[in-house]
Amino acid sequence: MAEVPVTLTLSADTLRGHLQNESYTCEWLFQSYVVQKRAHVFAGGEDGYRDEMAFRAAVAQAVGVSIGEVTLVGSAQLGFSVKPGAPYRAFDQLHEEDARAPKSDIDVAIVSRKYFDATHEAVSNFTRNFKKTWKTNKYYSEPRKIKGDVKRADYNFLAYLAMGWIRPDFAPEGYEFEFSHVKDAWRAKLKRKVSFAIYRDWKVLEAYQVGAFKDLRMRILEES
């Protein structure tokens, strides 16, 4: 497989080309577009790089992990969406088309077995070993707002936990994550929503991200 020059812009069009060429594995795409690429939202030259590192460092310090265990994902990282419902949609495209639409979110992944296990234990203690249930929380004030067949925040929290993934938006009401103050500060600074997820290890994050690339590859090969 030919190597990609480090100066190559990894755009949506570039991804389409890589997807059509099956010698570029989905694992390679994950490493190139998600892990090693500069985050799109912070791509504005030297100041952007400083902001990206400052943001990741603030998150890392708040939760007690290394800066290498904090990464951005989604369109804030890539510059476009890889979700099946909106493939290749540019970051902030909806807001640019209609100023009333919100700006794109910044999605942050904390990948740390130590922090995952510590958070699992803390939430378990907070809910008396999950004996205390919660149908709704501050993110989902009404069950109907929860996507999926089971309209319960606690069910979805535990379902993702079993997959090695902690979703703070499904956490019980009143539980505070260590990164909350960093989230609030950078939401105000960047004027956009900042969301977090905690992964047990890189294998779990990679499996989710690779799944999106596989879906896009299947679609693009069927169309060609």
C-alpha atoms as a PDB file:
ATOM      1  CA  MET A   1       0.000   0.000   0.000  1.00  0.00           C
ATOM      2  CA  ALA A   2       1.350   3.396  -0.967  1.00  0.00           C
ATOM      3  CA  GLU A   3       2.096   5.726   1.907  1.00  0.00           C
ATOM      4  CA  VAL A   4       0.137   8.948   2.189  1.00  0.00           C
ATOM      5  CA  PRO A   5       2.258  12.126   2.371  1.00  0.00           C
ATOM      6  CA  VAL A   6       1.950  13.809   5.754  1.00  0.00           C
ATOM      7  CA  THR A   7       1.028  17.075   3.998  1.00  0.00           C
ATOM      8  CA  LEU A   8      -2.034  15.534   2.345  1.00  0.00           C
ATOM      9  CA  THR A   9      -5.291  17.084   3.488  1.00  0.00           C
ATOM     10  CA  LEU A  10      -7.545  14.347   4.802  1.00  0.00           C
ATOM     11  CA  SER A  11     -10.824  15.682   3.458  1.00  0.00           C
ATOM     12  CA  ALA A  12     -14.176  14.048   2.725  1.00  0.00           C
ATOM     13  CA  ASP A  13     -13.117  13.637  -0.915  1.00  0.00           C
ATOM     14  CA  THR A  14      -9.858  12.023   0.189  1.00  0.00           C
ATOM     15  CA  LEU A  15     -11.795   9.615   2.382  1.00  0.00           C
ATOM     16  CA  ARG A  16     -14.032   8.624  -0.527  1.00  0.00           C
ATOM     17  CA  GLY A  17     -10.910   7.723  -2.492  1.00  0.00           C
ATOM     18  CA  HIS A  18      -9.487   5.711   0.386  1.00  0.00           C
ATOM     19  CA  LEU A  19     -12.791   3.883   0.843  1.00  0.00           C
ATOM     20  CA  GLN A  20     -12.846   2.873  -2.824  1.00  0.00           C
ATOM     21  CA  ASN A  21      -9.338   1.439  -2.488  1.00  0.00           C
ATOM     22  CA  GLU A  22      -9.652  -1.602  -0.212  1.00  0.00           C
ATOM     23  CA  SER A  23      -5.891  -1.788   0.296  1.00  0.00           C
ATOM     24  CA  TYR A  24      -6.481   0.983   2.857  1.00  0.00           C
ATOM     25  CA  THR A  25      -7.949  -0.981   5.752  1.00  0.00           C
ATOM     26  CA  CYS A  26     -10.573   0.519   8.028  1.00  0.00           C
ATOM     27  CA  GLU A  27      -8.057   0.226  10.875  1.00  0.00           C
ATOM     28  CA  TRP A  28      -5.668   2.371   8.817  1.00  0.00           C
ATOM     29  CA  LEU A  29      -8.443   4.898   8.237  1.00  0.00           C
ATOM     30  CA  PHE A  30      -9.107   5.042  11.977  1.00  0.00           C
ATOM     31  CA  GLN A  31      -5.447   5.718  12.737  1.00  0.00           C
ATOM     32  CA  SER A  32      -5.060   8.284   9.952  1.00  0.00           C
ATOM     33  CA  TYR A  33      -8.297  10.246  10.297  1.00  0.00           C
ATOM     34  CA  VAL A  34      -9.052   9.924  14.012  1.00  0.00           C
ATOM     35  CA  VAL A  35      -5.872   9.236  15.989  1.00  0.00           C
ATOM     36  CA  GLN A  36      -3.045  10.968  14.127  1.00  0.00           C
ATOM     37  CA  LYS A  37      -4.846  13.820  12.359  1.00  0.00           C
ATOM     38  CA  ARG A  38      -4.994  17.325  13.798  1.00  0.00           C
ATOM     39  CA  ALA A  39      -8.485  18.079  15.068  1.00  0.00           C
ATOM     40  CA  HIS A  40     -10.418  20.059  12.464  1.00  0.00           C
ATOM     41  CA  VAL A  41     -12.015  22.384  15.011  1.00  0.00           C
ATOM     42  CA  PHE A  42      -8.530  23.457  16.163  1.00  0.00           C
ATOM     43  CA  ALA A  43      -6.889  23.494  12.740  1.00  0.00           C
ATOM     44  CA  GLY A  44      -6.332  27.251  12.629  1.00  0.00           C
ATOM     45  CA  GLY A  45      -2.544  27.396  12.510  1.00  0.00           C
ATOM     46  CA  GLU A  46      -0.271  27.730  15.522  1.00  0.00           C
ATOM     47  CA  ASP A  47      -2.954  29.248  17.777  1.00  0.00           C
ATOM     48  CA  GLY A  48      -5.276  26.364  16.954  1.00  0.00           C
ATOM     49  CA  TYR A  49      -2.598  23.828  17.820  1.00  0.00           C
ATOM     50  CA  ARG A  50      -1.977  25.538  21.165  1.00  0.00           C
ATOM     51  CA  ASP A  51      -5.703  25.547  21.906  1.00  0.00           C
ATOM     52  CA  GLU A  52      -6.058  21.876  21.012  1.00  0.00           C
ATOM     53  CA  MET A  53      -3.194  20.876  23.282  1.00  0.00           C
ATOM     54  CA  ALA A  54      -4.447  23.154  26.070  1.00  0.00           C
ATOM     55  CA  PHE A  55      -7.911  21.619  25.827  1.00  0.00           C
ATOM     56  CA  ARG A  56      -6.649  18.034  25.862  1.00  0.00           C
ATOM     57  CA  ALA A  57      -4.241  18.831  28.700  1.00  0.00           C
ATOM     58  CA  ALA A  58      -7.028  20.390  30.788  1.00  0.00           C
ATOM     59  CA  VAL A  59      -9.199  17.298  30.346  1.00  0.00           C
ATOM     60  CA  ALA A  60      -6.291  14.972  31.115  1.00  0.00           C
ATOM     61  CA  GLN A  61      -5.369  16.865  34.271  1.00  0.00           C
ATOM     62  CA  ALA A  62      -8.984  16.945  35.483  1.00  0.00           C
ATOM     63  CA  VAL A  63      -9.424  13.172  35.281  1.00  0.00           C
ATOM     64  CA  GLY A  64      -5.868  12.049  36.022  1.00  0.00           C
ATOM     65  CA  VAL A  65      -4.864  10.525  32.690  1.00  0.00           C
ATOM     66  CA  SER A  66      -2.140  11.299  30.158  1.00  0.00           C
ATOM     67  CA  ILE A  67      -2.792  13.755  27.340  1.00  0.00           C
ATOM     68  CA  GLY A  68      -2.391  10.860  24.896  1.00  0.00           C
ATOM     69  CA  GLU A  69      -5.509   9.282  26.396  1.00  0.00           C
ATOM     70  CA  VAL A  70      -7.677  12.238  25.361  1.00  0.00           C
ATOM     71  CA  THR A  71      -8.713  12.594  21.729  1.00  0.00           C
ATOM     72  CA  LEU A  72     -11.409  14.266  19.692  1.00  0.00           C
ATOM     73  CA  VAL A  73     -13.739  12.212  17.495  1.00  0.00           C
ATOM     74  CA  GLY A  74     -16.607  12.902  15.120  1.00  0.00           C
ATOM     75  CA  SER A  75     -16.849  15.855  12.758  1.00  0.00           C
ATOM     76  CA  ALA A  76     -14.892  18.121  15.115  1.00  0.00           C
ATOM     77  CA  GLN A  77     -11.940  15.796  14.535  1.00  0.00           C
ATOM     78  CA  LEU A  78     -12.432  14.866  10.887  1.00  0.00           C
ATOM     79  CA  GLY A  79     -14.053  18.044   9.566  1.00  0.00           C
ATOM     80  CA  PHE A  80     -17.067  16.087   8.331  1.00  0.00           C
ATOM     81  CA  SER A  81     -19.479  13.448   9.554  1.00  0.00           C
ATOM     82  CA  VAL A  82     -19.160   9.706   8.987  1.00  0.00           C
ATOM     83  CA  LYS A  83     -22.557   8.922  10.505  1.00  0.00           C
ATOM     84  CA  PRO A  84     -24.784   6.817   8.228  1.00  0.00           C
ATOM     85  CA  GLY A  85     -27.571   9.393   8.362  1.00  0.00           C
ATOM     86  CA  ALA A  86     -25.354  12.298   7.283  1.00  0.00           C
ATOM     87  CA  PRO A  87     -22.219  10.957   5.583  1.00  0.00           C
ATOM     88  CA  TYR A  88     -19.630  13.585   4.603  1.00  0.00           C
ATOM     89  CA  ARG A  89     -21.695  16.475   5.964  1.00  0.00           C
ATOM     90  CA  ALA A  90     -19.218  19.234   6.762  1.00  0.00           C
ATOM     91  CA  PHE A  91     -18.536  20.434  10.280  1.00  0.00           C
ATOM     92  CA  ASP A  92     -20.903  23.347  11.040  1.00  0.00           C
ATOM     93  CA  GLN A  93     -22.631  22.919   7.672  1.00  0.00           C
ATOM     94  CA  LEU A  94     -26.144  23.094   9.142  1.00  0.00           C
ATOM     95  CA  HIS A  95     -25.287  26.263  11.072  1.00  0.00           C
ATOM     96  CA  GLU A  96     -23.757  27.874   8.003  1.00  0.00           C
ATOM     97  CA  GLU A  97     -26.876  27.081   5.978  1.00  0.00           C
ATOM     98  CA  ASP A  98     -29.201  28.348   8.709  1.00  0.00           C
ATOM     99  CA  ALA A  99     -27.855  30.552  11.509  1.00  0.00           C
ATOM    100  CA  ARG A 100     -30.709  29.374  13.740  1.00  0.00           C
ATOM    101  CA  ALA A 101     -29.285  25.843  13.717  1.00  0.00           C
ATOM    102  CA  PRO A 102     -26.749  25.052  16.454  1.00  0.00           C
ATOM    103  CA  LYS A 103     -23.061  24.736  15.691  1.00  0.00           C
ATOM    104  CA  SER A 104     -21.628  21.231  15.486  1.00  0.00           C
ATOM    105  CA  ASP A 105     -20.701  19.560  18.767  1.00  0.00           C
ATOM    106  CA  ILE A 106     -17.203  18.719  19.927  1.00  0.00           C
ATOM    107  CA  ASP A 107     -17.048  15.048  20.881  1.00  0.00           C
ATOM    108  CA  VAL A 108     -14.253  14.021  23.226  1.00  0.00           C
ATOM    109  CA  ALA A 109     -13.096  10.473  23.948  1.00  0.00           C
ATOM    110  CA  ILE A 110     -11.201   9.627  27.135  1.00  0.00           C
ATOM    111  CA  VAL A 111      -9.525   6.270  26.549  1.00  0.00           C
ATOM    112  CA  SER A 112      -8.235   4.901  29.859  1.00  0.00           C
ATOM    113  CA  ARG A 113      -8.816   1.592  31.608  1.00  0.00           C
ATOM    114  CA  LYS A 114      -7.893   3.191  34.928  1.00  0.00           C
ATOM    115  CA  TYR A 115     -10.384   6.054  34.595  1.00  0.00           C
ATOM    116  CA  PHE A 116     -13.055   3.780  33.127  1.00  0.00           C
ATOM    117  CA  ASP A 117     -12.810   1.402  36.094  1.00  0.00           C
ATOM    118  CA  ALA A 118     -12.718   4.259  38.608  1.00  0.00           C
ATOM    119  CA  THR A 119     -15.815   5.855  37.086  1.00  0.00           C
ATOM    120  CA  HIS A 120     -17.604   2.508  36.957  1.00  0.00           C
ATOM    121  CA  GLU A 121     -16.934   2.025  40.680  1.00  0.00           C
ATOM    122  CA  ALA A 122     -17.937   5.592  41.535  1.00  0.00           C
ATOM    123  CA  VAL A 123     -21.269   5.384  39.705  1.00  0.00           C
ATOM    124  CA  SER A 124     -21.871   1.964  41.263  1.00  0.00           C
ATOM    125  CA  ASN A 125     -21.337   3.456  44.734  1.00  0.00           C
ATOM    126  CA  PHE A 126     -23.506   6.459  43.873  1.00  0.00           C
ATOM    127  CA  THR A 127     -26.398   4.157  42.921  1.00  0.00           C
ATOM    128  CA  ARG A 128     -25.872   1.618  45.714  1.00  0.00           C
ATOM    129  CA  ASN A 129     -24.430  -0.977  43.370  1.00  0.00           C
ATOM    130  CA  PHE A 130     -27.007   0.015  40.707  1.00  0.00           C
ATOM    131  CA  LYS A 131     -29.924  -0.874  42.981  1.00  0.00           C
ATOM    132  CA  LYS A 132     -31.089   2.729  42.620  1.00  0.00           C
ATOM    133  CA  THR A 133     -32.665   3.124  39.181  1.00  0.00           C
ATOM    134  CA  TRP A 134     -33.168   6.238  37.077  1.00  0.00           C
ATOM    135  CA  LYS A 135     -35.531   6.466  34.145  1.00  0.00           C
ATOM    136  CA  THR A 136     -34.595  10.049  33.232  1.00  0.00           C
ATOM    137  CA  ASN A 137     -31.817  12.533  34.008  1.00  0.00           C
ATOM    138  CA  LYS A 138     -30.795  16.106  33.216  1.00  0.00           C
ATOM    139  CA  TYR A 139     -30.054  15.209  29.585  1.00  0.00           C
ATOM    140  CA  TYR A 140     -33.237  13.245  29.030  1.00  0.00           C
ATOM    141  CA  SER A 141     -36.029  14.850  31.042  1.00  0.00           C
ATOM    142  CA  GLU A 142     -38.588  12.798  29.144  1.00  0.00           C
ATOM    143  CA  PRO A 143     -38.143   9.104  28.223  1.00  0.00           C
ATOM    144  CA  ARG A 144     -39.398   9.692  24.677  1.00  0.00           C
ATOM    145  CA  LYS A 145     -36.278  11.769  23.963  1.00  0.00           C
ATOM    146  CA  ILE A 146     -34.076   8.674  24.322  1.00  0.00           C
ATOM    147  CA  LYS A 147     -33.308   6.992  21.011  1.00  0.00           C
ATOM    148  CA  GLY A 148     -33.683   3.238  20.761  1.00  0.00           C
ATOM    149  CA  ASP A 149     -36.274   0.714  21.839  1.00  0.00           C
ATOM    150  CA  VAL A 150     -35.778   1.032  25.609  1.00  0.00           C
ATOM    151  CA  LYS A 151     -36.632   4.542  26.792  1.00  0.00           C
ATOM    152  CA  ARG A 152     -34.698   4.427  30.074  1.00  0.00           C
ATOM    153  CA  ALA A 153     -31.482   6.274  30.896  1.00  0.00           C
ATOM    154  CA  ASP A 154     -30.324   3.615  33.366  1.00  0.00           C
ATOM    155  CA  TYR A 155     -30.839   0.773  30.897  1.00  0.00           C
ATOM    156  CA  ASN A 156     -28.828   2.583  28.225  1.00  0.00           C
ATOM    157  CA  PHE A 157     -26.065   3.513  30.689  1.00  0.00           C
ATOM    158  CA  LEU A 158     -25.635  -0.148  31.654  1.00  0.00           C
ATOM    159  CA  ALA A 159     -25.911  -1.363  28.053  1.00  0.00           C
ATOM    160  CA  TYR A 160     -23.041   0.889  26.969  1.00  0.00           C
ATOM    161  CA  LEU A 161     -21.092   0.037  30.130  1.00  0.00           C
ATOM    162  CA  ALA A 162     -21.250  -3.646  29.144  1.00  0.00           C
ATOM    163  CA  MET A 163     -19.666  -2.712  25.809  1.00  0.00           C
ATOM    164  CA  GLY A 164     -16.782  -0.909  27.540  1.00  0.00           C
ATOM    165  CA  TRP A 165     -18.177   2.556  26.988  1.00  0.00           C
ATOM    166  CA  ILE A 166     -19.443   5.052  29.600  1.00  0.00           C
ATOM    167  CA  ARG A 167     -21.957   7.591  28.287  1.00  0.00           C
ATOM    168  CA  PRO A 168     -22.205  10.552  30.703  1.00  0.00           C
ATOM    169  CA  ASP A 169     -25.471  11.639  29.094  1.00  0.00           C
ATOM    170  CA  PHE A 170     -27.084   8.464  30.487  1.00  0.00           C
ATOM    171  CA  ALA A 171     -25.561   8.822  33.975  1.00  0.00           C
ATOM    172  CA  PRO A 172     -27.815   9.218  37.021  1.00  0.00           C
ATOM    173  CA  GLU A 173     -29.084  12.646  38.029  1.00  0.00           C
ATOM    174  CA  GLY A 174     -26.717  14.325  40.481  1.00  0.00           C
ATOM    175  CA  TYR A 175     -23.568  12.416  39.558  1.00  0.00           C
ATOM    176  CA  GLU A 176     -20.751  14.800  38.627  1.00  0.00           C
ATOM    177  CA  PHE A 177     -17.853  13.815  36.409  1.00  0.00           C
ATOM    178  CA  GLU A 178     -14.389  15.200  37.135  1.00  0.00           C
ATOM    179  CA  PHE A 179     -14.223  16.904  33.738  1.00  0.00           C
ATOM    180  CA  SER A 180     -17.447  18.918  34.235  1.00  0.00           C
ATOM    181  CA  HIS A 181     -15.690  22.221  34.970  1.00  0.00           C
ATOM    182  CA  VAL A 182     -13.436  21.813  31.919  1.00  0.00           C
ATOM    183  CA  LYS A 183     -16.473  21.037  29.788  1.00  0.00           C
ATOM    184  CA  ASP A 184     -18.268  24.188  30.982  1.00  0.00           C
ATOM    185  CA  ALA A 185     -15.217  26.421  30.508  1.00  0.00           C
ATOM    186  CA  TRP A 186     -14.499  25.260  26.961  1.00  0.00           C
ATOM    187  CA  ARG A 187     -18.160  25.289  25.976  1.00  0.00           C
ATOM    188  CA  ALA A 188     -18.181  28.992  26.871  1.00  0.00           C
ATOM    189  CA  LYS A 189     -14.855  29.599  25.108  1.00  0.00           C
ATOM    190  CA  LEU A 190     -15.777  27.794  21.883  1.00  0.00           C
ATOM    191  CA  LYS A 191     -19.485  28.685  21.977  1.00  0.00           C
ATOM    192  CA  ARG A 192     -20.595  25.176  21.143  1.00  0.00           C
ATOM    193  CA  LYS A 193     -21.681  21.994  22.923  1.00  0.00           C
ATOM    194  CA  VAL A 194     -18.892  19.752  24.230  1.00  0.00           C
ATOM    195  CA  SER A 195     -19.692  16.080  24.867  1.00  0.00           C
ATOM    196  CA  PHE A 196     -17.608  13.362  26.511  1.00  0.00           C
ATOM    197  CA  ALA A 197     -17.438   9.579  26.450  1.00  0.00           C
ATOM    198  CA  ILE A 198     -15.162   7.257  28.411  1.00  0.00           C
ATOM    199  CA  TYR A 199     -13.774   4.125  26.768  1.00  0.00           C
ATOM    200  CA  ARG A 200     -12.235   1.132  28.527  1.00  0.00           C
ATOM    201  CA  ASP A 201      -9.445   0.895  25.948  1.00  0.00           C
ATOM    202  CA  TRP A 202      -8.489   1.800  22.386  1.00  0.00           C
ATOM    203  CA  LYS A 203      -9.902  -1.485  21.116  1.00  0.00           C
ATOM    204  CA  VAL A 204     -13.422  -0.412  22.125  1.00  0.00           C
ATOM    205  CA  LEU A 205     -13.101   3.047  20.539  1.00  0.00           C
ATOM    206  CA  GLU A 206     -11.533   1.593  17.400  1.00  0.00           C
ATOM    207  CA  ALA A 207     -14.320  -0.984  17.014  1.00  0.00           C
ATOM    208  CA  TYR A 208     -16.960   1.760  17.046  1.00  0.00           C
ATOM    209  CA  GLN A 209     -15.095   4.064  14.674  1.00  0.00           C
ATOM    210  CA  VAL A 210     -14.065   1.260  12.322  1.00  0.00           C
ATOM    211  CA  GLY A 211     -17.697   0.210  12.134  1.00  0.00           C
ATOM    212  CA  ALA A 212     -18.594   3.616  10.681  1.00  0.00           C
ATOM    213  CA  PHE A 213     -15.843   3.367   8.059  1.00  0.00           C
ATOM    214  CA  LYS A 214     -16.951  -0.152   7.136  1.00  0.00           C
ATOM    215  CA  ASP A 215     -20.524   1.035   6.612  1.00  0.00           C
ATOM    216  CA  LEU A 216     -19.356   3.875   4.377  1.00  0.00           C
ATOM    217  CA  ARG A 217     -17.091   1.535   2.396  1.00  0.00           C
ATOM    218  CA  MET A 218     -19.925  -0.920   1.833  1.00  0.00           C
ATOM    219  CA  ARG A 219     -22.173   1.879   0.613  1.00  0.00           C
ATOM    220  CA  ILE A 220     -19.597   3.410  -1.710  1.00  0.00           C
ATOM    221  CA  LEU A 221     -18.630   0.046  -3.227  1.00  0.00           C
ATOM    222  CA  GLU A 222     -22.290  -0.825  -3.817  1.00  0.00           C
ATOM    223  CA  GLU A 223     -22.758   2.480  -5.641  1.00  0.00           C
ATOM    224  CA  SER A 224     -19.678   2.069  -7.853  1.00  0.00           C
END
